[in-house]
Protein backbone atom coordinates (compact mmCIF):
# COMPACT_ATOMS: atom_id res chain seq x y z
CA MET A 1 21.92 9.70 -0.27
CA SER A 2 18.21 10.57 -0.19
CA ALA A 3 15.59 8.94 2.02
CA TRP A 4 14.34 7.02 -1.02
CA ASP A 5 17.72 5.51 -2.02
CA GLY A 6 17.54 1.77 -1.55
CA LEU A 7 13.77 1.74 -1.10
CA ASN A 8 12.94 1.13 -4.73
CA ARG A 9 14.31 -2.43 -4.88
CA ARG A 10 11.01 -4.28 -4.82
CA LYS A 11 10.38 -7.96 -5.42
CA PHE A 12 7.16 -7.11 -7.24
CA PRO A 13 6.59 -4.21 -9.64
CA ARG A 14 3.90 -1.75 -8.68
CA ALA A 15 1.58 0.47 -10.66
CA LYS A 16 0.14 3.87 -9.86
CA TYR A 17 -3.47 2.92 -9.20
CA PRO A 18 -5.69 4.94 -6.86
CA CYS A 19 -7.71 2.75 -4.47
CA MET A 20 -9.55 3.61 -1.30
CA VAL A 21 -8.10 1.83 1.74
CA THR A 22 -9.20 1.30 5.31
CA LEU A 23 -6.23 0.56 7.56
CA TRP A 24 -6.35 -0.31 11.24
CA LEU A 25 -3.86 -0.97 14.00
CA GLY A 26 -4.67 -3.85 16.32
CA SER A 27 -8.27 -5.00 16.07
CA GLN A 28 -10.77 -3.45 13.68
CA ASP A 29 -12.42 -1.44 16.44
CA GLU A 30 -9.19 0.32 17.47
CA GLU A 31 -7.39 3.11 15.56
CA ILE A 32 -8.70 3.31 11.98
CA PHE A 33 -7.38 5.33 9.03
CA LEU A 34 -9.18 6.03 5.75
CA THR A 35 -6.73 6.77 2.96
CA HIS A 36 -5.78 5.96 -0.63
CA THR A 37 -2.95 4.23 -2.41
CA GLU A 38 0.05 5.86 -4.02
CA ASN A 39 0.74 2.58 -5.87
CA ILE A 40 -0.02 -1.13 -5.59
CA GLY A 41 1.57 -4.45 -6.51
CA VAL A 42 1.13 -8.15 -5.83
CA GLY A 43 3.45 -7.96 -2.82
CA GLY A 44 2.29 -4.75 -1.22
CA VAL A 45 0.99 -1.23 -1.34
CA CYS A 46 2.19 2.32 -0.73
CA LEU A 47 -0.29 4.46 1.19
CA ILE A 48 -0.44 8.14 2.00
CA LEU A 49 -1.15 8.75 5.69
CA ASN A 50 -1.33 11.84 7.85
CA GLN A 51 0.19 9.97 10.79
CA ARG A 52 3.54 8.25 11.11
CA LEU A 53 3.38 4.50 11.72
CA GLU A 54 6.12 2.48 13.37
CA ARG A 55 8.26 0.41 11.01
CA LEU A 56 7.43 -3.34 11.13
CA SER A 57 3.98 -2.72 12.69
CA GLU A 58 1.31 -5.20 11.69
CA VAL A 59 -1.82 -3.63 10.27
CA GLY A 60 -5.17 -4.72 8.89
CA LEU A 61 -6.13 -3.61 5.39
CA GLU A 62 -9.33 -3.42 3.41
CA ILE A 63 -8.67 -2.31 -0.17
CA ASP A 64 -11.32 -1.32 -2.71
CA LEU A 65 -9.77 -2.24 -6.07
CA LEU A 66 -12.65 -0.49 -7.89
CA ASP A 67 -13.23 -3.65 -9.97
CA LEU A 68 -16.79 -4.26 -8.72
CA GLU A 69 -15.66 -7.31 -6.71
CA ASP A 70 -15.43 -7.67 -2.93
CA HIS A 71 -12.82 -5.57 -1.17
CA VAL A 72 -9.45 -7.21 -0.53
CA LYS A 73 -9.08 -7.92 3.20
CA CYS A 74 -5.67 -8.92 4.51
CA ARG A 75 -2.91 -8.21 7.02
CA GLY A 76 0.25 -6.30 6.24
CA LYS A 77 3.52 -5.17 7.76
CA THR A 78 4.85 -1.60 7.58
CA MET A 79 8.23 -1.91 5.86
CA TRP A 80 9.13 1.77 5.51
CA VAL A 81 7.81 5.24 6.35
CA VAL A 82 9.00 8.42 4.63
CA GLU A 83 7.77 11.93 5.40
CA LYS A 84 6.63 13.61 2.19
CA LYS A 85 8.66 16.63 1.20
CA GLY A 86 7.25 19.94 0.10
CA LYS A 87 4.59 20.31 2.74
CA GLU A 88 3.60 23.91 3.26
CA SER A 89 4.26 25.69 6.51
CA GLY A 90 1.46 24.96 8.93
CA SER A 91 -0.04 22.12 6.91
CA PRO A 92 -0.34 18.69 8.53
CA ALA A 93 2.42 16.15 7.98
CA ALA A 94 1.95 13.46 5.34
CA TYR A 95 3.80 10.16 5.02
CA ASP A 96 4.34 7.59 2.29
CA VAL A 97 4.02 4.21 3.99
CA GLY A 98 5.15 0.98 2.31
CA ILE A 99 3.19 -2.04 3.46
CA GLU A 100 4.03 -5.62 2.54
CA PHE A 101 1.10 -8.04 2.39
CA ILE A 102 1.60 -10.91 4.85
CA ASP A 103 -1.57 -12.96 4.47
CA ILE A 104 -3.32 -12.03 1.25
CA CYS A 105 -5.19 -14.85 -0.49
CA ALA A 106 -4.05 -16.08 -3.92
CA SER A 107 -7.23 -14.96 -5.70
CA ASP A 108 -6.77 -11.38 -4.44
CA GLN A 109 -3.11 -11.45 -5.54
CA ARG A 110 -4.27 -12.51 -9.02
CA ARG A 111 -6.75 -9.60 -9.10
CA ILE A 112 -3.97 -7.16 -8.26
CA GLN A 113 -1.63 -8.80 -10.79
CA THR A 114 -4.29 -8.37 -13.48
CA ILE A 115 -4.65 -4.67 -12.69
CA VAL A 116 -0.87 -4.12 -12.77
CA GLN A 117 -0.61 -6.06 -16.06
CA GLN A 118 -3.38 -3.97 -17.61
CA LEU A 119 -1.46 -0.85 -16.68
CA GLY A 120 1.61 -2.21 -18.48
CA ARG A 121 3.93 -2.47 -15.47
CA TYR A 122 4.10 -6.23 -14.96
CA PRO A 123 5.44 -8.46 -17.77
CA GLN A 124 2.97 -11.11 -18.96
CA ASN A 125 5.48 -13.98 -18.59
CA LYS A 126 6.07 -13.42 -14.85
CA ALA A 127 4.30 -15.55 -12.26
């Protein structure tokens, strides 16, 4: 069984869509990470980080959806963390981090749903 077995059973489909993300632990003036998405969906996002986060940690997120609207600002919870394979000897570690949105507003969810629909990953008849 690989580290990814069982992790791909998501409530919400996701689409590969590169966005810039600011993530912080605790308050916004504490530890801050600048990163990008691996994929995104209405229920959450997968980020690539160079530091391991604790599972079930609450984080703050600011996501630039590149749609010329305000950035999405919400809270999330780290649901899984997987070290990326294939890193070269001596290179820094990298992690795929799955974050579930826990307080995203409905209008931002609709924006994300629209993006995923446009990329053909989310059926039109789903709510």
